[in-house]
Amino acid sequence: MTSAPELTVIQVPVSDPRVEPLLRELGREYSARYGKDAHAEISRYPDEEFTEPYGGQLLLLLEGGEPVAGGAFRRYDPTTAELKRIWTHSAHRRRGLARRVIAELEREAGARGYRRIYLTTGPRQPEARGLYLATGYTPLFDTEADPETIGPLPFEKHLNVTSRINPPKYT
């Protein structure tokens, strides 16, 4: 009996070459589901918004050195991080990797002092909708309505922030 390869969590800039498969597959999936070029959606925010100086982060889960899942957050407002680009490689789905990505992003956002997570997902992404409901996110829309009539589906989650990596300095 062999054990599954260990997963490694790394923080990287969008320019890291290991991020490219994430964005490429995410773009193909958006285009297939929504029937348009997804480049505009993926490039909506400048890459630097997903870095520390701007209040964001991008992380990857690596298995055997290869990216199998990832995601990011950016600053939405002073107390809120916005999740973006949550992705699991199509060959590695149904293993709980997206849950792990979300947990890691929530942990890091909380450590940076964010108290709330906000996100939206598309109406043609029922798997994402189910994932966010299953991980404790509150829908900010009528869950009984046809998702196609709503547009982007917003969710939120309040974090229990008990400590910070960089606590505020008082003078």
N, C-alpha and C. Protein backbone atom coordinates (compact mmCIF):
# COMPACT_ATOMS: atom_id res chain seq x y z
N MET A 1 0.84 -1.17 0.00
CA MET A 1 0.00 0.00 0.00
C MET A 1 0.89 1.24 0.00
N THR A 2 0.62 2.17 -0.91
CA THR A 2 1.38 3.40 -0.96
C THR A 2 0.53 4.55 -0.46
N SER A 3 1.17 5.52 0.13
CA SER A 3 0.43 6.67 0.62
C SER A 3 0.38 7.74 -0.46
N ALA A 4 -0.61 8.61 -0.35
CA ALA A 4 -0.76 9.70 -1.30
C ALA A 4 0.41 10.67 -1.13
N PRO A 5 0.84 11.27 -2.22
CA PRO A 5 1.92 12.26 -2.11
C PRO A 5 1.51 13.41 -1.19
N GLU A 6 2.48 13.94 -0.50
CA GLU A 6 2.24 15.05 0.41
C GLU A 6 1.95 16.33 -0.36
N LEU A 7 1.04 17.12 0.17
CA LEU A 7 0.72 18.41 -0.42
C LEU A 7 1.56 19.49 0.25
N THR A 8 2.06 20.40 -0.55
CA THR A 8 2.82 21.53 -0.06
C THR A 8 2.06 22.80 -0.41
N VAL A 9 1.95 23.71 0.54
CA VAL A 9 1.30 24.99 0.30
C VAL A 9 2.39 26.03 0.13
N ILE A 10 2.33 26.77 -0.98
CA ILE A 10 3.31 27.83 -1.21
C ILE A 10 2.59 29.12 -1.58
N GLN A 11 3.19 30.24 -1.17
CA GLN A 11 2.71 31.56 -1.57
C GLN A 11 3.57 32.01 -2.73
N VAL A 12 2.93 32.47 -3.80
CA VAL A 12 3.65 32.86 -4.99
C VAL A 12 3.03 34.11 -5.61
N PRO A 13 3.82 34.84 -6.40
CA PRO A 13 3.23 35.94 -7.17
C PRO A 13 2.53 35.37 -8.41
N VAL A 14 1.64 36.13 -8.99
CA VAL A 14 0.93 35.69 -10.20
C VAL A 14 1.92 35.37 -11.31
N SER A 15 3.06 36.03 -11.33
CA SER A 15 4.06 35.82 -12.38
C SER A 15 4.81 34.49 -12.27
N ASP A 16 4.65 33.76 -11.16
CA ASP A 16 5.32 32.47 -11.01
C ASP A 16 4.82 31.52 -12.10
N PRO A 17 5.70 30.84 -12.81
CA PRO A 17 5.27 29.97 -13.91
C PRO A 17 4.34 28.83 -13.47
N ARG A 18 4.35 28.47 -12.20
CA ARG A 18 3.46 27.42 -11.73
C ARG A 18 2.01 27.87 -11.65
N VAL A 19 1.76 29.18 -11.73
CA VAL A 19 0.40 29.72 -11.70
C VAL A 19 -0.26 29.60 -13.08
N GLU A 20 0.54 29.58 -14.12
CA GLU A 20 0.00 29.58 -15.48
C GLU A 20 -1.00 28.46 -15.75
N PRO A 21 -0.75 27.20 -15.33
CA PRO A 21 -1.76 26.16 -15.56
C PRO A 21 -3.10 26.48 -14.89
N LEU A 22 -3.05 27.09 -13.70
CA LEU A 22 -4.26 27.48 -13.00
C LEU A 22 -5.06 28.45 -13.86
N LEU A 23 -4.43 29.50 -14.32
CA LEU A 23 -5.13 30.52 -15.09
C LEU A 23 -5.59 29.99 -16.45
N ARG A 24 -4.78 29.17 -17.08
CA ARG A 24 -5.14 28.62 -18.39
C ARG A 24 -6.39 27.73 -18.28
N GLU A 25 -6.39 26.80 -17.33
CA GLU A 25 -7.54 25.92 -17.19
C GLU A 25 -8.77 26.67 -16.69
N LEU A 26 -8.57 27.61 -15.80
CA LEU A 26 -9.68 28.43 -15.32
C LEU A 26 -10.30 29.19 -16.47
N GLY A 27 -9.47 29.75 -17.35
CA GLY A 27 -9.97 30.47 -18.52
C GLY A 27 -10.78 29.59 -19.45
N ARG A 28 -10.28 28.38 -19.70
CA ARG A 28 -11.01 27.44 -20.56
C ARG A 28 -12.36 27.08 -19.94
N GLU A 29 -12.36 26.87 -18.63
CA GLU A 29 -13.61 26.50 -17.97
C GLU A 29 -14.62 27.64 -18.00
N TYR A 30 -14.18 28.86 -17.72
CA TYR A 30 -15.08 30.01 -17.80
C TYR A 30 -15.65 30.15 -19.21
N SER A 31 -14.79 30.02 -20.20
CA SER A 31 -15.24 30.16 -21.59
C SER A 31 -16.26 29.08 -21.95
N ALA A 32 -16.02 27.86 -21.52
CA ALA A 32 -16.95 26.76 -21.82
C ALA A 32 -18.31 26.98 -21.14
N ARG A 33 -18.29 27.49 -19.93
CA ARG A 33 -19.55 27.66 -19.20
C ARG A 33 -20.31 28.91 -19.59
N TYR A 34 -19.59 29.96 -19.97
CA TYR A 34 -20.25 31.23 -20.23
C TYR A 34 -20.19 31.65 -21.70
N GLY A 35 -19.52 30.86 -22.53
CA GLY A 35 -19.54 31.09 -23.96
C GLY A 35 -18.85 32.35 -24.44
N LYS A 36 -17.83 32.78 -23.73
CA LYS A 36 -17.09 33.96 -24.16
C LYS A 36 -15.65 33.82 -23.74
N ASP A 37 -14.83 34.72 -24.22
CA ASP A 37 -13.43 34.72 -23.82
C ASP A 37 -13.33 35.14 -22.36
N ALA A 38 -12.68 34.33 -21.57
CA ALA A 38 -12.58 34.59 -20.14
C ALA A 38 -11.40 35.47 -19.77
N HIS A 39 -10.60 35.87 -20.74
CA HIS A 39 -9.41 36.66 -20.44
C HIS A 39 -9.77 37.93 -19.65
N ALA A 40 -10.85 38.59 -20.02
CA ALA A 40 -11.24 39.83 -19.34
C ALA A 40 -11.53 39.58 -17.86
N GLU A 41 -12.19 38.47 -17.55
CA GLU A 41 -12.50 38.16 -16.15
C GLU A 41 -11.24 37.83 -15.37
N ILE A 42 -10.37 37.04 -15.96
CA ILE A 42 -9.16 36.63 -15.25
C ILE A 42 -8.19 37.79 -15.06
N SER A 43 -8.18 38.73 -15.99
CA SER A 43 -7.25 39.86 -15.89
C SER A 43 -7.93 41.13 -15.34
N ARG A 44 -9.10 40.98 -14.76
CA ARG A 44 -9.84 42.13 -14.25
C ARG A 44 -9.07 42.92 -13.20
N TYR A 45 -8.31 42.22 -12.37
CA TYR A 45 -7.57 42.87 -11.29
C TYR A 45 -6.08 42.80 -11.57
N PRO A 46 -5.36 43.88 -11.29
CA PRO A 46 -3.90 43.85 -11.48
C PRO A 46 -3.26 42.76 -10.61
N ASP A 47 -2.25 42.12 -11.14
CA ASP A 47 -1.57 41.03 -10.42
C ASP A 47 -1.09 41.45 -9.04
N GLU A 48 -0.65 42.70 -8.90
CA GLU A 48 -0.10 43.12 -7.62
C GLU A 48 -1.15 43.13 -6.50
N GLU A 49 -2.44 43.14 -6.83
CA GLU A 49 -3.47 43.09 -5.79
C GLU A 49 -3.45 41.77 -5.03
N PHE A 50 -2.77 40.77 -5.58
CA PHE A 50 -2.69 39.46 -4.95
C PHE A 50 -1.35 39.26 -4.25
N THR A 51 -0.74 40.37 -3.82
CA THR A 51 0.54 40.32 -3.12
C THR A 51 0.42 41.02 -1.77
N GLU A 52 1.36 40.75 -0.91
CA GLU A 52 1.38 41.26 0.46
C GLU A 52 1.29 42.79 0.54
N PRO A 53 2.09 43.53 -0.18
CA PRO A 53 2.02 44.97 0.04
C PRO A 53 0.64 45.56 -0.22
N TYR A 54 -0.15 44.90 -1.05
CA TYR A 54 -1.48 45.41 -1.40
C TYR A 54 -2.59 44.70 -0.64
N GLY A 55 -2.25 43.86 0.31
CA GLY A 55 -3.25 43.21 1.14
C GLY A 55 -3.77 41.89 0.61
N GLY A 56 -3.10 41.32 -0.39
CA GLY A 56 -3.58 40.07 -0.97
C GLY A 56 -2.55 38.96 -0.93
N GLN A 57 -2.96 37.83 -1.47
CA GLN A 57 -2.06 36.67 -1.52
C GLN A 57 -2.59 35.67 -2.54
N LEU A 58 -1.67 34.98 -3.18
CA LEU A 58 -2.00 33.86 -4.04
C LEU A 58 -1.25 32.65 -3.52
N LEU A 59 -1.94 31.53 -3.40
CA LEU A 59 -1.24 30.32 -2.96
C LEU A 59 -1.57 29.16 -3.88
N LEU A 60 -0.66 28.23 -3.91
CA LEU A 60 -0.82 27.00 -4.67
C LEU A 60 -0.65 25.81 -3.74
N LEU A 61 -1.37 24.74 -4.04
CA LEU A 61 -1.11 23.45 -3.42
C LEU A 61 -0.33 22.65 -4.44
N LEU A 62 0.83 22.18 -4.05
CA LEU A 62 1.67 21.38 -4.93
C LEU A 62 1.64 19.92 -4.46
N GLU A 63 1.60 19.02 -5.43
CA GLU A 63 1.71 17.60 -5.15
C GLU A 63 2.81 17.07 -6.06
N GLY A 64 3.88 16.59 -5.47
CA GLY A 64 5.02 16.16 -6.27
C GLY A 64 5.62 17.31 -7.07
N GLY A 65 5.53 18.52 -6.52
CA GLY A 65 6.09 19.70 -7.19
C GLY A 65 5.19 20.32 -8.25
N GLU A 66 4.06 19.69 -8.54
CA GLU A 66 3.14 20.19 -9.57
C GLU A 66 1.92 20.84 -8.93
N PRO A 67 1.45 21.98 -9.48
CA PRO A 67 0.25 22.62 -8.93
C PRO A 67 -0.99 21.78 -9.19
N VAL A 68 -1.74 21.50 -8.13
CA VAL A 68 -2.99 20.74 -8.26
C VAL A 68 -4.21 21.57 -7.85
N ALA A 69 -3.98 22.66 -7.12
CA ALA A 69 -5.07 23.55 -6.71
C ALA A 69 -4.47 24.88 -6.30
N GLY A 70 -5.32 25.87 -6.24
CA GLY A 70 -4.83 27.18 -5.82
C GLY A 70 -5.97 28.16 -5.65
N GLY A 71 -5.60 29.34 -5.26
CA GLY A 71 -6.58 30.40 -5.08
C GLY A 71 -5.89 31.64 -4.53
N ALA A 72 -6.67 32.70 -4.45
CA ALA A 72 -6.11 33.97 -4.01
C ALA A 72 -7.15 34.78 -3.25
N PHE A 73 -6.65 35.79 -2.57
CA PHE A 73 -7.54 36.82 -2.05
C PHE A 73 -6.90 38.17 -2.31
N ARG A 74 -7.75 39.17 -2.35
CA ARG A 74 -7.33 40.55 -2.51
C ARG A 74 -8.07 41.38 -1.48
N ARG A 75 -7.55 42.55 -1.22
CA ARG A 75 -8.23 43.45 -0.28
C ARG A 75 -9.50 43.95 -0.94
N TYR A 76 -10.63 43.79 -0.26
CA TYR A 76 -11.92 44.30 -0.73
C TYR A 76 -12.22 45.63 -0.06
N ASP A 77 -11.99 45.67 1.25
CA ASP A 77 -12.06 46.91 2.03
C ASP A 77 -11.17 46.68 3.25
N PRO A 78 -11.00 47.65 4.13
CA PRO A 78 -10.03 47.49 5.22
C PRO A 78 -10.23 46.26 6.11
N THR A 79 -11.45 45.74 6.21
CA THR A 79 -11.68 44.58 7.08
C THR A 79 -12.11 43.33 6.31
N THR A 80 -12.16 43.41 4.98
CA THR A 80 -12.68 42.32 4.17
C THR A 80 -11.71 41.91 3.08
N ALA A 81 -11.46 40.60 3.01
CA ALA A 81 -10.69 40.02 1.89
C ALA A 81 -11.69 39.41 0.92
N GLU A 82 -11.37 39.49 -0.37
CA GLU A 82 -12.23 38.90 -1.40
C GLU A 82 -11.51 37.72 -2.03
N LEU A 83 -12.13 36.54 -1.97
CA LEU A 83 -11.55 35.36 -2.60
C LEU A 83 -11.72 35.45 -4.11
N LYS A 84 -10.66 35.06 -4.83
CA LYS A 84 -10.67 35.06 -6.29
C LYS A 84 -9.89 33.84 -6.78
N ARG A 85 -10.22 33.41 -7.97
CA ARG A 85 -9.43 32.41 -8.70
C ARG A 85 -9.26 31.09 -7.95
N ILE A 86 -10.29 30.65 -7.26
CA ILE A 86 -10.23 29.35 -6.60
C ILE A 86 -10.30 28.29 -7.70
N TRP A 87 -9.38 27.36 -7.67
CA TRP A 87 -9.24 26.41 -8.77
C TRP A 87 -8.68 25.09 -8.28
N THR A 88 -9.18 24.00 -8.85
CA THR A 88 -8.59 22.68 -8.67
C THR A 88 -8.40 22.08 -10.06
N HIS A 89 -7.23 21.57 -10.33
CA HIS A 89 -6.95 20.96 -11.63
C HIS A 89 -7.98 19.87 -11.89
N SER A 90 -8.48 19.80 -13.10
CA SER A 90 -9.56 18.86 -13.43
C SER A 90 -9.20 17.41 -13.10
N ALA A 91 -7.94 17.04 -13.16
CA ALA A 91 -7.52 15.66 -12.86
C ALA A 91 -7.46 15.38 -11.35
N HIS A 92 -7.66 16.41 -10.53
CA HIS A 92 -7.51 16.24 -9.08
C HIS A 92 -8.75 16.65 -8.30
N ARG A 93 -9.88 16.75 -8.96
CA ARG A 93 -11.10 17.16 -8.27
C ARG A 93 -11.68 16.01 -7.44
N ARG A 94 -12.58 16.37 -6.51
CA ARG A 94 -13.26 15.43 -5.63
C ARG A 94 -12.32 14.83 -4.58
N ARG A 95 -11.26 15.57 -4.25
CA ARG A 95 -10.31 15.12 -3.23
C ARG A 95 -10.28 16.05 -2.02
N GLY A 96 -11.11 17.09 -2.00
CA GLY A 96 -11.11 18.04 -0.89
C GLY A 96 -10.05 19.13 -1.01
N LEU A 97 -9.43 19.24 -2.18
CA LEU A 97 -8.36 20.23 -2.34
C LEU A 97 -8.89 21.66 -2.30
N ALA A 98 -10.04 21.92 -2.88
CA ALA A 98 -10.60 23.28 -2.84
C ALA A 98 -10.91 23.69 -1.40
N ARG A 99 -11.40 22.75 -0.61
CA ARG A 99 -11.64 23.04 0.82
C ARG A 99 -10.33 23.41 1.51
N ARG A 100 -9.28 22.70 1.17
CA ARG A 100 -7.97 23.00 1.76
C ARG A 100 -7.50 24.39 1.34
N VAL A 101 -7.67 24.73 0.07
CA VAL A 101 -7.29 26.06 -0.41
C VAL A 101 -8.06 27.13 0.34
N ILE A 102 -9.36 26.96 0.46
CA ILE A 102 -10.17 27.94 1.16
C ILE A 102 -9.74 28.08 2.62
N ALA A 103 -9.51 26.97 3.28
CA ALA A 103 -9.07 27.01 4.68
C ALA A 103 -7.74 27.76 4.82
N GLU A 104 -6.81 27.50 3.92
CA GLU A 104 -5.51 28.18 3.96
C GLU A 104 -5.68 29.68 3.71
N LEU A 105 -6.52 30.05 2.74
CA LEU A 105 -6.75 31.46 2.46
C LEU A 105 -7.44 32.15 3.63
N GLU A 106 -8.41 31.49 4.24
CA GLU A 106 -9.08 32.07 5.40
C GLU A 106 -8.09 32.26 6.55
N ARG A 107 -7.25 31.26 6.79
CA ARG A 107 -6.27 31.36 7.87
C ARG A 107 -5.34 32.55 7.63
N GLU A 108 -4.84 32.67 6.41
CA GLU A 108 -3.92 33.76 6.10
C GLU A 108 -4.61 35.12 6.16
N ALA A 109 -5.83 35.19 5.66
CA ALA A 109 -6.58 36.46 5.72
C ALA A 109 -6.81 36.87 7.17
N GLY A 110 -7.20 35.91 8.00
CA GLY A 110 -7.40 36.20 9.42
C GLY A 110 -6.12 36.64 10.09
N ALA A 111 -5.01 36.00 9.75
CA ALA A 111 -3.72 36.36 10.33
C ALA A 111 -3.32 37.78 9.93
N ARG A 112 -3.81 38.24 8.80
CA ARG A 112 -3.52 39.61 8.36
C ARG A 112 -4.52 40.62 8.89
N GLY A 113 -5.44 40.17 9.71
CA GLY A 113 -6.37 41.09 10.35
C GLY A 113 -7.70 41.25 9.66
N TYR A 114 -7.92 40.58 8.56
CA TYR A 114 -9.24 40.65 7.94
C TYR A 114 -10.24 39.92 8.83
N ARG A 115 -11.43 40.48 8.93
CA ARG A 115 -12.47 39.89 9.78
C ARG A 115 -13.61 39.26 8.97
N ARG A 116 -13.59 39.50 7.67
CA ARG A 116 -14.68 39.02 6.82
C ARG A 116 -14.10 38.60 5.48
N ILE A 117 -14.70 37.56 4.90
CA ILE A 117 -14.35 37.14 3.54
C ILE A 117 -15.60 37.36 2.68
N TYR A 118 -15.39 37.90 1.52
CA TYR A 118 -16.46 38.12 0.54
C TYR A 118 -16.04 37.42 -0.75
N LEU A 119 -16.99 36.92 -1.49
CA LEU A 119 -16.68 36.33 -2.79
C LEU A 119 -17.93 36.30 -3.64
N THR A 120 -17.72 36.16 -4.94
CA THR A 120 -18.82 35.89 -5.85
C THR A 120 -18.42 34.71 -6.72
N THR A 121 -19.43 33.98 -7.15
CA THR A 121 -19.21 32.93 -8.13
C THR A 121 -20.29 33.07 -9.19
N GLY A 122 -20.04 32.47 -10.32
CA GLY A 122 -20.98 32.59 -11.42
C GLY A 122 -22.19 31.69 -11.28
N PRO A 123 -23.29 32.07 -11.92
CA PRO A 123 -24.51 31.28 -11.83
C PRO A 123 -24.41 29.91 -12.49
N ARG A 124 -23.41 29.70 -13.33
CA ARG A 124 -23.24 28.41 -14.00
C ARG A 124 -22.11 27.58 -13.37
N GLN A 125 -21.87 27.81 -12.10
CA GLN A 125 -20.85 27.07 -11.37
C GLN A 125 -21.46 26.46 -10.12
N PRO A 126 -22.36 25.48 -10.31
CA PRO A 126 -23.04 24.90 -9.14
C PRO A 126 -22.07 24.21 -8.18
N GLU A 127 -20.95 23.71 -8.70
CA GLU A 127 -19.98 23.07 -7.80
C GLU A 127 -19.39 24.09 -6.84
N ALA A 128 -19.10 25.28 -7.34
CA ALA A 128 -18.56 26.34 -6.49
C ALA A 128 -19.60 26.78 -5.47
N ARG A 129 -20.82 26.95 -5.93
CA ARG A 129 -21.89 27.33 -5.01
C ARG A 129 -22.00 26.31 -3.88
N GLY A 130 -21.99 25.03 -4.21
CA GLY A 130 -22.05 23.99 -3.20
C GLY A 130 -20.86 24.00 -2.26
N LEU A 131 -19.68 24.25 -2.81
CA LEU A 131 -18.46 24.32 -2.00
C LEU A 131 -18.56 25.43 -0.96
N TYR A 132 -18.99 26.61 -1.39
CA TYR A 132 -19.05 27.73 -0.45
C TYR A 132 -20.12 27.51 0.62
N LEU A 133 -21.25 26.94 0.24
CA LEU A 133 -22.26 26.62 1.24
C LEU A 133 -21.73 25.58 2.23
N ALA A 134 -21.03 24.58 1.73
CA ALA A 134 -20.50 23.50 2.58
C ALA A 134 -19.38 23.97 3.50
N THR A 135 -18.71 25.07 3.15
CA THR A 135 -17.60 25.56 3.98
C THR A 135 -18.01 26.75 4.85
N GLY A 136 -19.32 26.92 5.02
CA GLY A 136 -19.80 27.90 5.99
C GLY A 136 -20.04 29.31 5.49
N TYR A 137 -20.07 29.51 4.19
CA TYR A 137 -20.33 30.83 3.66
C TYR A 137 -21.83 31.09 3.62
N THR A 138 -22.21 32.32 3.91
CA THR A 138 -23.61 32.73 3.89
C THR A 138 -23.92 33.33 2.53
N PRO A 139 -24.95 32.80 1.86
CA PRO A 139 -25.33 33.40 0.57
C PRO A 139 -25.98 34.76 0.79
N LEU A 140 -25.61 35.73 -0.02
CA LEU A 140 -26.19 37.07 0.05
C LEU A 140 -27.18 37.25 -1.10
N PHE A 141 -27.88 36.18 -1.42
CA PHE A 141 -28.85 36.18 -2.51
C PHE A 141 -29.94 35.18 -2.15
N ASP A 142 -31.03 35.24 -2.87
CA ASP A 142 -32.14 34.31 -2.66
C ASP A 142 -31.76 32.96 -3.24
N THR A 143 -31.53 31.98 -2.39
CA THR A 143 -31.09 30.66 -2.85
C THR A 143 -32.20 29.91 -3.59
N GLU A 144 -33.42 30.37 -3.49
CA GLU A 144 -34.54 29.73 -4.20
C GLU A 144 -34.71 30.29 -5.61
N ALA A 145 -34.09 31.41 -5.89
CA ALA A 145 -34.22 32.04 -7.21
C ALA A 145 -33.37 31.31 -8.24
N ASP A 146 -33.75 31.44 -9.50
CA ASP A 146 -32.95 30.88 -10.60
C ASP A 146 -31.64 31.66 -10.63
N PRO A 147 -30.49 30.97 -10.46
CA PRO A 147 -29.20 31.68 -10.45
C PRO A 147 -28.95 32.54 -11.69
N GLU A 148 -29.49 32.12 -12.83
CA GLU A 148 -29.29 32.88 -14.07
C GLU A 148 -29.96 34.25 -14.00
N THR A 149 -30.96 34.42 -13.13
CA THR A 149 -31.63 35.72 -13.01
C THR A 149 -30.90 36.64 -12.05
N ILE A 150 -29.95 36.10 -11.29
CA ILE A 150 -29.25 36.89 -10.28
C ILE A 150 -27.95 37.46 -10.82
N GLY A 151 -27.26 36.69 -11.64
CA GLY A 151 -25.93 37.09 -12.09
C GLY A 151 -24.91 36.53 -11.12
N PRO A 152 -23.83 37.25 -10.85
CA PRO A 152 -22.84 36.75 -9.89
C PRO A 152 -23.50 36.51 -8.53
N LEU A 153 -23.15 35.38 -7.93
CA LEU A 153 -23.74 34.98 -6.65
C LEU A 153 -22.80 35.36 -5.51
N PRO A 154 -23.18 36.35 -4.70
CA PRO A 154 -22.29 36.78 -3.60
C PRO A 154 -22.47 35.96 -2.33
N PHE A 155 -21.35 35.75 -1.64
CA PHE A 155 -21.30 35.05 -0.36
C PHE A 155 -20.42 35.84 0.60
N GLU A 156 -20.59 35.58 1.89
CA GLU A 156 -19.70 36.14 2.90
C GLU A 156 -19.50 35.14 4.03
N LYS A 157 -18.41 35.38 4.74
CA LYS A 157 -18.13 34.58 5.94
C LYS A 157 -17.37 35.48 6.90
N HIS A 158 -17.81 35.49 8.14
CA HIS A 158 -17.10 36.25 9.17
C HIS A 158 -16.08 35.34 9.83
N LEU A 159 -14.88 35.86 9.98
CA LEU A 159 -13.78 35.09 10.55
C LEU A 159 -13.66 35.35 12.04
N ASN A 160 -13.22 34.35 12.75
CA ASN A 160 -12.89 34.50 14.17
C ASN A 160 -11.40 34.81 14.23
N VAL A 161 -11.07 36.07 14.28
CA VAL A 161 -9.66 36.48 14.29
C VAL A 161 -9.21 36.56 15.72
N THR A 162 -8.31 35.63 16.09
CA THR A 162 -7.83 35.60 17.47
C THR A 162 -6.43 36.18 17.62
N SER A 163 -5.65 36.14 16.55
CA SER A 163 -4.31 36.70 16.62
C SER A 163 -3.91 37.18 15.24
N ARG A 164 -2.90 38.00 15.21
CA ARG A 164 -2.43 38.54 13.95
C ARG A 164 -0.94 38.30 13.83
N ILE A 165 -0.50 38.06 12.61
CA ILE A 165 0.94 37.95 12.36
C ILE A 165 1.59 39.31 12.58
N ASN A 166 0.96 40.34 12.08
CA ASN A 166 1.48 41.71 12.19
C ASN A 166 0.47 42.54 13.00
N PRO A 167 0.52 42.48 14.34
CA PRO A 167 -0.45 43.23 15.13
C PRO A 167 -0.27 44.73 14.92
N PRO A 168 -1.36 45.49 15.11
CA PRO A 168 -1.23 46.95 14.93
C PRO A 168 -0.27 47.54 15.95
N LYS A 169 0.43 48.58 15.55
CA LYS A 169 1.37 49.26 16.46
C LYS A 169 0.68 50.48 17.05
N TYR A 170 0.77 50.59 18.34
CA TYR A 170 0.16 51.73 19.04
C TYR A 170 1.29 52.62 19.52
N THR A 171 1.10 53.89 19.35
CA THR A 171 2.12 54.85 19.82
C THR A 171 1.60 55.71 20.93
